[in-house]
């Protein structure tokens, strides 16, 4: 029997891999659902907590948006300054070197 079993190719070993990843939006959604279920009552403290969380979430979004707008403004101003400097250098180069180039071809 040992002779015949060595002639068969070995069976592949199974591989059981489940990829794991973190979905931030899904986690936030689950957390909000859980808190909403806890605060479903007519308790005034629950209402205050819900309003507070809503305002915090919105203020975070607005702060991010304002930061992005400020960064875009800085970037655009830097680009405008670079373009202005290049235009000035081009005019200076034309004023200085164009008469020399024209004189060479005359």
C-alpha atoms as a PDB file:
ATOM      1  CA  UNK A   1       0.000   0.000   0.000  1.00  0.00           C
ATOM      2  CA  UNK A   2       2.819   2.423   0.781  1.00  0.00           C
ATOM      3  CA  UNK A   3       4.104   2.031  -2.742  1.00  0.00           C
ATOM      4  CA  UNK A   4       0.822   3.067  -4.371  1.00  0.00           C
ATOM      5  CA  UNK A   5       0.108   6.000  -2.028  1.00  0.00           C
ATOM      6  CA  UNK A   6       3.384   7.706  -2.993  1.00  0.00           C
ATOM      7  CA  UNK A   7       2.317   7.756  -6.646  1.00  0.00           C
ATOM      8  CA  UNK A   8      -0.724   9.962  -5.959  1.00  0.00           C
ATOM      9  CA  UNK A   9      -0.161  13.715  -5.929  1.00  0.00           C
ATOM     10  CA  UNK A  10      -0.779  15.311  -2.544  1.00  0.00           C
ATOM     11  CA  UNK A  11      -4.075  17.132  -2.084  1.00  0.00           C
ATOM     12  CA  UNK A  12      -3.821  20.886  -1.703  1.00  0.00           C
ATOM     13  CA  UNK A  13      -4.210  22.241   1.779  1.00  0.00           C
ATOM     14  CA  UNK A  14      -7.277  24.397   2.248  1.00  0.00           C
ATOM     15  CA  UNK A  15      -6.797  28.050   2.942  1.00  0.00           C
ATOM     16  CA  UNK A  16      -9.420  29.889   4.959  1.00  0.00           C
ATOM     17  CA  UNK A  17      -8.776  33.627   4.925  1.00  0.00           C
ATOM     18  CA  UNK A  18     -11.392  36.239   5.687  1.00  0.00           C
ATOM     19  CA  UNK A  19     -10.149  39.753   4.969  1.00  0.00           C
ATOM     20  CA  UNK A  20     -10.909  42.291   7.665  1.00  0.00           C
ATOM     21  CA  UNK A  21     -11.247  45.995   7.114  1.00  0.00           C
ATOM     22  CA  UNK A  22     -12.485  48.991   9.021  1.00  0.00           C
ATOM     23  CA  UNK A  23     -15.381  50.961   7.621  1.00  0.00           C
ATOM     24  CA  UNK A  24     -15.497  54.244   9.530  1.00  0.00           C
ATOM     25  CA  UNK A  25     -18.844  55.341   8.099  1.00  0.00           C
ATOM     26  CA  UNK A  26     -20.464  52.051   9.009  1.00  0.00           C
ATOM     27  CA  UNK A  27     -19.099  52.242  12.559  1.00  0.00           C
ATOM     28  CA  UNK A  28     -20.387  55.804  12.985  1.00  0.00           C
ATOM     29  CA  UNK A  29     -23.773  54.769  11.629  1.00  0.00           C
ATOM     30  CA  UNK A  30     -23.996  51.852  14.070  1.00  0.00           C
ATOM     31  CA  UNK A  31     -23.013  54.126  16.944  1.00  0.00           C
ATOM     32  CA  UNK A  32     -25.654  56.691  15.995  1.00  0.00           C
ATOM     33  CA  UNK A  33     -28.299  53.975  15.725  1.00  0.00           C
ATOM     34  CA  UNK A  34     -27.362  52.642  19.142  1.00  0.00           C
ATOM     35  CA  UNK A  35     -27.496  56.083  20.752  1.00  0.00           C
ATOM     36  CA  UNK A  36     -30.770  56.913  19.014  1.00  0.00           C
ATOM     37  CA  UNK A  37     -32.277  53.705  20.367  1.00  0.00           C
ATOM     38  CA  UNK A  38     -31.125  54.630  23.876  1.00  0.00           C
ATOM     39  CA  UNK A  39     -32.471  58.176  23.581  1.00  0.00           C
ATOM     40  CA  UNK A  40     -35.777  57.275  21.971  1.00  0.00           C
ATOM     41  CA  UNK A  41     -37.716  58.364  25.063  1.00  0.00           C
ATOM     42  CA  UNK A  42     -39.196  61.813  25.737  1.00  0.00           C
ATOM     43  CA  UNK A  43     -36.580  62.549  28.355  1.00  0.00           C
ATOM     44  CA  UNK A  44     -35.412  66.200  28.120  1.00  0.00           C
ATOM     45  CA  UNK A  45     -31.831  65.168  28.912  1.00  0.00           C
ATOM     46  CA  UNK A  46     -31.942  62.733  26.003  1.00  0.00           C
ATOM     47  CA  UNK A  47     -33.160  65.493  23.730  1.00  0.00           C
ATOM     48  CA  UNK A  48     -30.322  67.773  24.883  1.00  0.00           C
ATOM     49  CA  UNK A  49     -27.776  65.025  24.233  1.00  0.00           C
ATOM     50  CA  UNK A  50     -29.136  64.414  20.756  1.00  0.00           C
ATOM     51  CA  UNK A  51     -28.998  68.112  19.900  1.00  0.00           C
ATOM     52  CA  UNK A  52     -25.464  68.408  21.313  1.00  0.00           C
ATOM     53  CA  UNK A  53     -24.170  65.489  19.239  1.00  0.00           C
ATOM     54  CA  UNK A  54     -25.831  66.853  16.127  1.00  0.00           C
ATOM     55  CA  UNK A  55     -24.212  70.256  16.614  1.00  0.00           C
ATOM     56  CA  UNK A  56     -20.813  68.724  17.302  1.00  0.00           C
ATOM     57  CA  UNK A  57     -21.021  66.656  14.142  1.00  0.00           C
ATOM     58  CA  UNK A  58     -21.989  69.693  12.080  1.00  0.00           C
ATOM     59  CA  UNK A  59     -19.334  71.922  13.613  1.00  0.00           C
ATOM     60  CA  UNK A  60     -16.673  69.337  12.807  1.00  0.00           C
ATOM     61  CA  UNK A  61     -17.819  69.280   9.196  1.00  0.00           C
ATOM     62  CA  UNK A  62     -17.862  73.062   8.965  1.00  0.00           C
ATOM     63  CA  UNK A  63     -14.437  73.332  10.537  1.00  0.00           C
ATOM     64  CA  UNK A  64     -13.027  70.872   7.987  1.00  0.00           C
ATOM     65  CA  UNK A  65     -14.672  72.741   5.141  1.00  0.00           C
ATOM     66  CA  UNK A  66     -13.355  76.097   6.350  1.00  0.00           C
ATOM     67  CA  UNK A  67      -9.845  74.663   6.687  1.00  0.00           C
ATOM     68  CA  UNK A  68     -10.016  73.277   3.142  1.00  0.00           C
ATOM     69  CA  UNK A  69     -11.246  76.613   1.796  1.00  0.00           C
ATOM     70  CA  UNK A  70      -8.414  78.444   3.563  1.00  0.00           C
ATOM     71  CA  UNK A  71      -5.848  76.021   2.128  1.00  0.00           C
ATOM     72  CA  UNK A  72      -7.304  76.419  -1.367  1.00  0.00           C
ATOM     73  CA  UNK A  73      -7.132  80.204  -1.054  1.00  0.00           C
ATOM     74  CA  UNK A  74      -3.464  80.030   0.009  1.00  0.00           C
ATOM     75  CA  UNK A  75      -2.699  77.707  -2.874  1.00  0.00           C
ATOM     76  CA  UNK A  76      -4.442  79.941  -5.397  1.00  0.00           C
ATOM     77  CA  UNK A  77      -2.656  83.039  -4.120  1.00  0.00           C
ATOM     78  CA  UNK A  78       0.705  81.300  -4.341  1.00  0.00           C
ATOM     79  CA  UNK A  79      -0.068  80.217  -7.897  1.00  0.00           C
ATOM     80  CA  UNK A  80      -1.081  83.773  -8.798  1.00  0.00           C
ATOM     81  CA  UNK A  81       2.150  85.161  -7.312  1.00  0.00           C
ATOM     82  CA  UNK A  82       4.268  82.663  -9.241  1.00  0.00           C
ATOM     83  CA  UNK A  83       2.496  83.520 -12.496  1.00  0.00           C
ATOM     84  CA  UNK A  84       2.993  87.252 -11.855  1.00  0.00           C
ATOM     85  CA  UNK A  85       6.717  86.768 -11.187  1.00  0.00           C
ATOM     86  CA  UNK A  86       7.104  84.703 -14.356  1.00  0.00           C
ATOM     87  CA  UNK A  87       5.320  87.361 -16.427  1.00  0.00           C
ATOM     88  CA  UNK A  88       7.570  90.102 -15.035  1.00  0.00           C
ATOM     89  CA  UNK A  89      10.692  88.019 -15.717  1.00  0.00           C
ATOM     90  CA  UNK A  90       9.498  87.361 -19.252  1.00  0.00           C
ATOM     91  CA  UNK A  91       9.006  91.075 -19.961  1.00  0.00           C
ATOM     92  CA  UNK A  92      12.401  91.903 -18.467  1.00  0.00           C
ATOM     93  CA  UNK A  93      14.045  89.217 -20.587  1.00  0.00           C
ATOM     94  CA  UNK A  94      12.309  90.519 -23.720  1.00  0.00           C
ATOM     95  CA  UNK A  95      13.409  94.101 -22.981  1.00  0.00           C
ATOM     96  CA  UNK A  96      17.010  93.082 -22.400  1.00  0.00           C
ATOM     97  CA  UNK A  97      17.617  90.291 -24.917  1.00  0.00           C
ATOM     98  CA  UNK A  98      15.239  91.047 -27.802  1.00  0.00           C
ATOM     99  CA  UNK A  99      17.249  94.031 -29.112  1.00  0.00           C
ATOM    100  CA  UNK A 100      20.410  91.888 -29.048  1.00  0.00           C
ATOM    101  CA  UNK A 101      18.704  89.074 -30.949  1.00  0.00           C
ATOM    102  CA  UNK A 102      17.243  91.466 -33.545  1.00  0.00           C
ATOM    103  CA  UNK A 103      20.659  93.103 -33.960  1.00  0.00           C
ATOM    104  CA  UNK A 104      22.268  89.680 -34.657  1.00  0.00           C
ATOM    105  CA  UNK A 105      19.889  88.975 -37.540  1.00  0.00           C
ATOM    106  CA  UNK A 106      20.309  92.377 -39.201  1.00  0.00           C
END
